[in-house]
Amino acid sequence: MNRLVRYDPDVAARIGDYPRIIAFRNLLIHGYDLIDHAQVWKVVREQVPLLLSQVESILQEIQHKNP
């Protein structure tokens, strides 16, 4: 997400709550001793499907613009 924000901030902005995604990744990588596994599982169950849907939509639009 950090790279996408730098490369194409408009596309990154279409991904809901991307700053929280970046913060979550940083917590997982750098604060692994503070991880609440139940919270991680909740994010996987509830947020990842939404993220996947957003990314698939963006990719479909890109493919239609550049066949």
PDB file of N, CA and C in Angstrom:
ATOM      1  N   MET A   1       0.816  -1.175   0.000  1.00  0.00           N
ATOM      2  CA  MET A   1       0.000   0.000   0.000  1.00  0.00           C
ATOM      3  C   MET A   1       0.867   1.249   0.000  1.00  0.00           C
ATOM      4  N   ASN A   2       1.951   1.228   0.767  1.00  0.00           N
ATOM      5  CA  ASN A   2       2.838   2.396   0.764  1.00  0.00           C
ATOM      6  C   ASN A   2       3.343   2.693  -0.641  1.00  0.00           C
ATOM      7  N   ARG A   3       3.716   1.672  -1.351  1.00  0.00           N
ATOM      8  CA  ARG A   3       4.205   1.869  -2.719  1.00  0.00           C
ATOM      9  C   ARG A   3       3.097   2.363  -3.639  1.00  0.00           C
ATOM     10  N   LEU A   4       1.907   1.813  -3.483  1.00  0.00           N
ATOM     11  CA  LEU A   4       0.792   2.254  -4.304  1.00  0.00           C
ATOM     12  C   LEU A   4       0.463   3.716  -4.015  1.00  0.00           C
ATOM     13  N   VAL A   5       0.508   4.114  -2.762  1.00  0.00           N
ATOM     14  CA  VAL A   5       0.246   5.504  -2.397  1.00  0.00           C
ATOM     15  C   VAL A   5       1.246   6.425  -3.082  1.00  0.00           C
ATOM     16  N   ARG A   6       2.506   6.021  -3.118  1.00  0.00           N
ATOM     17  CA  ARG A   6       3.527   6.845  -3.767  1.00  0.00           C
ATOM     18  C   ARG A   6       3.388   6.829  -5.290  1.00  0.00           C
ATOM     19  N   TYR A   7       3.060   5.670  -5.845  1.00  0.00           N
ATOM     20  CA  TYR A   7       2.999   5.513  -7.300  1.00  0.00           C
ATOM     21  C   TYR A   7       1.717   6.103  -7.889  1.00  0.00           C
ATOM     22  N   ASP A   8       0.582   5.808  -7.250  1.00  0.00           N
ATOM     23  CA  ASP A   8      -0.709   6.277  -7.769  1.00  0.00           C
ATOM     24  C   ASP A   8      -1.660   6.557  -6.605  1.00  0.00           C
ATOM     25  N   PRO A   9      -1.545   7.734  -6.013  1.00  0.00           N
ATOM     26  CA  PRO A   9      -2.375   8.059  -4.850  1.00  0.00           C
ATOM     27  C   PRO A   9      -3.876   8.027  -5.138  1.00  0.00           C
ATOM     28  N   ASP A  10      -4.280   8.300  -6.380  1.00  0.00           N
ATOM     29  CA  ASP A  10      -5.706   8.263  -6.711  1.00  0.00           C
ATOM     30  C   ASP A  10      -6.265   6.842  -6.606  1.00  0.00           C
ATOM     31  N   VAL A  11      -5.511   5.877  -7.081  1.00  0.00           N
ATOM     32  CA  VAL A  11      -5.952   4.484  -6.976  1.00  0.00           C
ATOM     33  C   VAL A  11      -5.931   4.056  -5.511  1.00  0.00           C
ATOM     34  N   ALA A  12      -4.907   4.405  -4.787  1.00  0.00           N
ATOM     35  CA  ALA A  12      -4.827   4.055  -3.368  1.00  0.00           C
ATOM     36  C   ALA A  12      -6.021   4.611  -2.600  1.00  0.00           C
ATOM     37  N   ALA A  13      -6.438   5.810  -2.943  1.00  0.00           N
ATOM     38  CA  ALA A  13      -7.562   6.445  -2.257  1.00  0.00           C
ATOM     39  C   ALA A  13      -8.874   5.699  -2.483  1.00  0.00           C
ATOM     40  N   ARG A  14      -8.932   4.909  -3.544  1.00  0.00           N
ATOM     41  CA  ARG A  14     -10.141   4.120  -3.823  1.00  0.00           C
ATOM     42  C   ARG A  14     -10.233   2.879  -2.954  1.00  0.00           C
ATOM     43  N   ILE A  15      -9.162   2.565  -2.270  1.00  0.00           N
ATOM     44  CA  ILE A  15      -9.146   1.415  -1.368  1.00  0.00           C
ATOM     45  C   ILE A  15      -9.475   1.945   0.021  1.00  0.00           C
ATOM     46  N   GLY A  16     -10.612   1.516   0.529  1.00  0.00           N
ATOM     47  CA  GLY A  16     -11.111   2.038   1.799  1.00  0.00           C
ATOM     48  C   GLY A  16     -10.121   1.888   2.937  1.00  0.00           C
ATOM     49  N   ASP A  17      -9.929   2.973   3.634  1.00  0.00           N
ATOM     50  CA  ASP A  17      -9.123   2.980   4.855  1.00  0.00           C
ATOM     51  C   ASP A  17      -7.685   2.488   4.642  1.00  0.00           C
ATOM     52  N   TYR A  18      -7.095   2.864   3.522  1.00  0.00           N
ATOM     53  CA  TYR A  18      -5.742   2.367   3.258  1.00  0.00           C
ATOM     54  C   TYR A  18      -4.731   2.758   4.336  1.00  0.00           C
ATOM     55  N   PRO A  19      -4.876   3.902   5.018  1.00  0.00           N
ATOM     56  CA  PRO A  19      -3.911   4.170   6.098  1.00  0.00           C
ATOM     57  C   PRO A  19      -3.981   3.129   7.217  1.00  0.00           C
ATOM     58  N   ARG A  20      -5.185   2.611   7.484  1.00  0.00           N
ATOM     59  CA  ARG A  20      -5.305   1.565   8.510  1.00  0.00           C
ATOM     60  C   ARG A  20      -4.684   0.253   8.035  1.00  0.00           C
ATOM     61  N   ILE A  21      -4.745  -0.005   6.740  1.00  0.00           N
ATOM     62  CA  ILE A  21      -4.108  -1.212   6.194  1.00  0.00           C
ATOM     63  C   ILE A  21      -2.601  -1.121   6.398  1.00  0.00           C
ATOM     64  N   ILE A  22      -2.048   0.043   6.126  1.00  0.00           N
ATOM     65  CA  ILE A  22      -0.611   0.259   6.311  1.00  0.00           C
ATOM     66  C   ILE A  22      -0.240   0.100   7.782  1.00  0.00           C
ATOM     67  N   ALA A  23      -1.034   0.689   8.659  1.00  0.00           N
ATOM     68  CA  ALA A  23      -0.757   0.601  10.098  1.00  0.00           C
ATOM     69  C   ALA A  23      -0.861  -0.839  10.591  1.00  0.00           C
ATOM     70  N   PHE A  24      -1.848  -1.576  10.074  1.00  0.00           N
ATOM     71  CA  PHE A  24      -2.024  -2.976  10.467  1.00  0.00           C
ATOM     72  C   PHE A  24      -0.824  -3.808  10.041  1.00  0.00           C
ATOM     73  N   ARG A  25      -0.376  -3.594   8.834  1.00  0.00           N
ATOM     74  CA  ARG A  25       0.808  -4.307   8.344  1.00  0.00           C
ATOM     75  C   ARG A  25       2.018  -4.001   9.215  1.00  0.00           C
ATOM     76  N   ASN A  26       2.197  -2.727   9.548  1.00  0.00           N
ATOM     77  CA  ASN A  26       3.336  -2.344  10.380  1.00  0.00           C
ATOM     78  C   ASN A  26       3.270  -2.992  11.762  1.00  0.00           C
ATOM     79  N   LEU A  27       2.078  -3.075  12.324  1.00  0.00           N
ATOM     80  CA  LEU A  27       1.922  -3.738  13.615  1.00  0.00           C
ATOM     81  C   LEU A  27       2.292  -5.212  13.507  1.00  0.00           C
ATOM     82  N   LEU A  28       1.815  -5.868  12.453  1.00  0.00           N
ATOM     83  CA  LEU A  28       2.122  -7.288  12.278  1.00  0.00           C
ATOM     84  C   LEU A  28       3.619  -7.531  12.128  1.00  0.00           C
ATOM     85  N   ILE A  29       4.295  -6.648  11.405  1.00  0.00           N
ATOM     86  CA  ILE A  29       5.712  -6.835  11.121  1.00  0.00           C
ATOM     87  C   ILE A  29       6.594  -6.396  12.287  1.00  0.00           C
ATOM     88  N   HIS A  30       6.278  -5.243  12.852  1.00  0.00           N
ATOM     89  CA  HIS A  30       7.173  -4.658  13.858  1.00  0.00           C
ATOM     90  C   HIS A  30       6.694  -4.826  15.296  1.00  0.00           C
ATOM     91  N   GLY A  31       5.408  -5.081  15.478  1.00  0.00           N
ATOM     92  CA  GLY A  31       4.894  -5.198  16.837  1.00  0.00           C
ATOM     93  C   GLY A  31       4.322  -6.565  17.104  1.00  0.00           C
ATOM     94  N   TYR A  32       4.942  -7.583  16.519  1.00  0.00           N
ATOM     95  CA  TYR A  32       4.404  -8.935  16.599  1.00  0.00           C
ATOM     96  C   TYR A  32       4.184  -9.410  18.024  1.00  0.00           C
ATOM     97  N   ASP A  33       4.912  -8.854  18.983  1.00  0.00           N
ATOM     98  CA  ASP A  33       4.725  -9.259  20.374  1.00  0.00           C
ATOM     99  C   ASP A  33       3.466  -8.653  20.990  1.00  0.00           C
ATOM    100  N   LEU A  34       2.838  -7.715  20.284  1.00  0.00           N
ATOM    101  CA  LEU A  34       1.644  -7.038  20.787  1.00  0.00           C
ATOM    102  C   LEU A  34       0.368  -7.475  20.074  1.00  0.00           C
ATOM    103  N   ILE A  35       0.480  -8.457  19.209  1.00  0.00           N
ATOM    104  CA  ILE A  35      -0.639  -8.848  18.353  1.00  0.00           C
ATOM    105  C   ILE A  35      -1.732  -9.538  19.154  1.00  0.00           C
ATOM    106  N   ASP A  36      -2.955  -9.110  18.913  1.00  0.00           N
ATOM    107  CA  ASP A  36      -4.148  -9.760  19.455  1.00  0.00           C
ATOM    108  C   ASP A  36      -4.657 -10.685  18.347  1.00  0.00           C
ATOM    109  N   HIS A  37      -4.442 -11.966  18.522  1.00  0.00           N
ATOM    110  CA  HIS A  37      -4.763 -12.926  17.466  1.00  0.00           C
ATOM    111  C   HIS A  37      -6.250 -12.933  17.122  1.00  0.00           C
ATOM    112  N   ALA A  38      -7.097 -12.709  18.100  1.00  0.00           N
ATOM    113  CA  ALA A  38      -8.536 -12.650  17.831  1.00  0.00           C
ATOM    114  C   ALA A  38      -8.850 -11.456  16.928  1.00  0.00           C
ATOM    115  N   GLN A  39      -8.184 -10.339  17.143  1.00  0.00           N
ATOM    116  CA  GLN A  39      -8.400  -9.160  16.306  1.00  0.00           C
ATOM    117  C   GLN A  39      -7.904  -9.406  14.883  1.00  0.00           C
ATOM    118  N   VAL A  40      -6.757 -10.062  14.753  1.00  0.00           N
ATOM    119  CA  VAL A  40      -6.236 -10.383  13.419  1.00  0.00           C
ATOM    120  C   VAL A  40      -7.233 -11.280  12.682  1.00  0.00           C
ATOM    121  N   TRP A  41      -7.754 -12.277  13.367  1.00  0.00           N
ATOM    122  CA  TRP A  41      -8.704 -13.187  12.736  1.00  0.00           C
ATOM    123  C   TRP A  41      -9.974 -12.434  12.338  1.00  0.00           C
ATOM    124  N   LYS A  42     -10.410 -11.499  13.160  1.00  0.00           N
ATOM    125  CA  LYS A  42     -11.579 -10.692  12.839  1.00  0.00           C
ATOM    126  C   LYS A  42     -11.346  -9.869  11.565  1.00  0.00           C
ATOM    127  N   VAL A  43     -10.167  -9.293  11.441  1.00  0.00           N
ATOM    128  CA  VAL A  43      -9.822  -8.530  10.241  1.00  0.00           C
ATOM    129  C   VAL A  43      -9.836  -9.442   9.020  1.00  0.00           C
ATOM    130  N   VAL A  44      -9.263 -10.619   9.148  1.00  0.00           N
ATOM    131  CA  VAL A  44      -9.234 -11.568   8.032  1.00  0.00           C
ATOM    132  C   VAL A  44     -10.653 -11.927   7.599  1.00  0.00           C
ATOM    133  N   ARG A  45     -11.517 -12.211   8.546  1.00  0.00           N
ATOM    134  CA  ARG A  45     -12.891 -12.618   8.231  1.00  0.00           C
ATOM    135  C   ARG A  45     -13.735 -11.477   7.687  1.00  0.00           C
ATOM    136  N   GLU A  46     -13.598 -10.290   8.267  1.00  0.00           N
ATOM    137  CA  GLU A  46     -14.524  -9.207   7.959  1.00  0.00           C
ATOM    138  C   GLU A  46     -13.991  -8.179   6.962  1.00  0.00           C
ATOM    139  N   GLN A  47     -12.713  -7.919   6.972  1.00  0.00           N
ATOM    140  CA  GLN A  47     -12.170  -6.840   6.153  1.00  0.00           C
ATOM    141  C   GLN A  47     -11.497  -7.313   4.877  1.00  0.00           C
ATOM    142  N   VAL A  48     -10.856  -8.460   4.915  1.00  0.00           N
ATOM    143  CA  VAL A  48     -10.148  -8.940   3.729  1.00  0.00           C
ATOM    144  C   VAL A  48     -11.100  -9.183   2.554  1.00  0.00           C
ATOM    145  N   PRO A  49     -12.287  -9.755   2.766  1.00  0.00           N
ATOM    146  CA  PRO A  49     -13.194  -9.910   1.624  1.00  0.00           C
ATOM    147  C   PRO A  49     -13.570  -8.565   0.983  1.00  0.00           C
ATOM    148  N   LEU A  50     -13.774  -7.538   1.777  1.00  0.00           N
ATOM    149  CA  LEU A  50     -14.073  -6.211   1.245  1.00  0.00           C
ATOM    150  C   LEU A  50     -12.883  -5.668   0.457  1.00  0.00           C
ATOM    151  N   LEU A  51     -11.698  -5.813   1.003  1.00  0.00           N
ATOM    152  CA  LEU A  51     -10.484  -5.374   0.312  1.00  0.00           C
ATOM    153  C   LEU A  51     -10.330  -6.104  -1.014  1.00  0.00           C
ATOM    154  N   LEU A  52     -10.538  -7.397  -1.007  1.00  0.00           N
ATOM    155  CA  LEU A  52     -10.443  -8.190  -2.234  1.00  0.00           C
ATOM    156  C   LEU A  52     -11.428  -7.680  -3.282  1.00  0.00           C
ATOM    157  N   SER A  53     -12.636  -7.395  -2.874  1.00  0.00           N
ATOM    158  CA  SER A  53     -13.644  -6.876  -3.792  1.00  0.00           C
ATOM    159  C   SER A  53     -13.219  -5.540  -4.383  1.00  0.00           C
ATOM    160  N   GLN A  54     -12.680  -4.653  -3.570  1.00  0.00           N
ATOM    161  CA  GLN A  54     -12.227  -3.346  -4.046  1.00  0.00           C
ATOM    162  C   GLN A  54     -11.088  -3.500  -5.050  1.00  0.00           C
ATOM    163  N   VAL A  55     -10.142  -4.344  -4.737  1.00  0.00           N
ATOM    164  CA  VAL A  55      -8.989  -4.537  -5.621  1.00  0.00           C
ATOM    165  C   VAL A  55      -9.421  -5.185  -6.934  1.00  0.00           C
ATOM    166  N   GLU A  56     -10.301  -6.171  -6.873  1.00  0.00           N
ATOM    167  CA  GLU A  56     -10.787  -6.797  -8.101  1.00  0.00           C
ATOM    168  C   GLU A  56     -11.494  -5.788  -8.997  1.00  0.00           C
ATOM    169  N   SER A  57     -12.282  -4.912  -8.415  1.00  0.00           N
ATOM    170  CA  SER A  57     -12.979  -3.882  -9.173  1.00  0.00           C
ATOM    171  C   SER A  57     -11.995  -2.943  -9.865  1.00  0.00           C
ATOM    172  N   ILE A  58     -10.986  -2.521  -9.148  1.00  0.00           N
ATOM    173  CA  ILE A  58      -9.960  -1.640  -9.718  1.00  0.00           C
ATOM    174  C   ILE A  58      -9.229  -2.346 -10.854  1.00  0.00           C
ATOM    175  N   LEU A  59      -8.870  -3.602 -10.644  1.00  0.00           N
ATOM    176  CA  LEU A  59      -8.163  -4.347 -11.690  1.00  0.00           C
ATOM    177  C   LEU A  59      -9.024  -4.548 -12.932  1.00  0.00           C
ATOM    178  N   GLN A  60     -10.310  -4.795 -12.760  1.00  0.00           N
ATOM    179  CA  GLN A  60     -11.208  -4.942 -13.909  1.00  0.00           C
ATOM    180  C   GLN A  60     -11.273  -3.643 -14.708  1.00  0.00           C
ATOM    181  N   GLU A  61     -11.357  -2.525 -14.018  1.00  0.00           N
ATOM    182  CA  GLU A  61     -11.380  -1.240 -14.709  1.00  0.00           C
ATOM    183  C   GLU A  61     -10.092  -1.002 -15.500  1.00  0.00           C
ATOM    184  N   ILE A  62      -8.987  -1.341 -14.910  1.00  0.00           N
ATOM    185  CA  ILE A  62      -7.700  -1.179 -15.592  1.00  0.00           C
ATOM    186  C   ILE A  62      -7.637  -2.062 -16.829  1.00  0.00           C
ATOM    187  N   GLN A  63      -8.111  -3.300 -16.701  1.00  0.00           N
ATOM    188  CA  GLN A  63      -8.088  -4.226 -17.843  1.00  0.00           C
ATOM    189  C   GLN A  63      -8.985  -3.734 -18.979  1.00  0.00           C
ATOM    190  N   HIS A  64     -10.115  -3.135 -18.644  1.00  0.00           N
ATOM    191  CA  HIS A  64     -11.020  -2.631 -19.682  1.00  0.00           C
ATOM    192  C   HIS A  64     -10.451  -1.401 -20.374  1.00  0.00           C
ATOM    193  N   LYS A  65      -9.665  -0.624 -19.658  1.00  0.00           N
ATOM    194  CA  LYS A  65      -9.050   0.565 -20.257  1.00  0.00           C
ATOM    195  C   LYS A  65      -7.852   0.197 -21.119  1.00  0.00           C
ATOM    196  N   ASN A  66      -7.176  -0.906 -20.767  1.00  0.00           N
ATOM    197  CA  ASN A  66      -5.959  -1.322 -21.465  1.00  0.00           C
ATOM    198  C   ASN A  66      -6.085  -2.782 -21.903  1.00  0.00           C
ATOM    199  N   PRO A  67      -6.933  -3.073 -22.885  1.00  0.00           N
ATOM    200  CA  PRO A  67      -7.121  -4.482 -23.296  1.00  0.00           C
ATOM    201  C   PRO A  67      -5.911  -5.105 -23.930  1.00  0.00           C
TER     202      PRO A  67
END
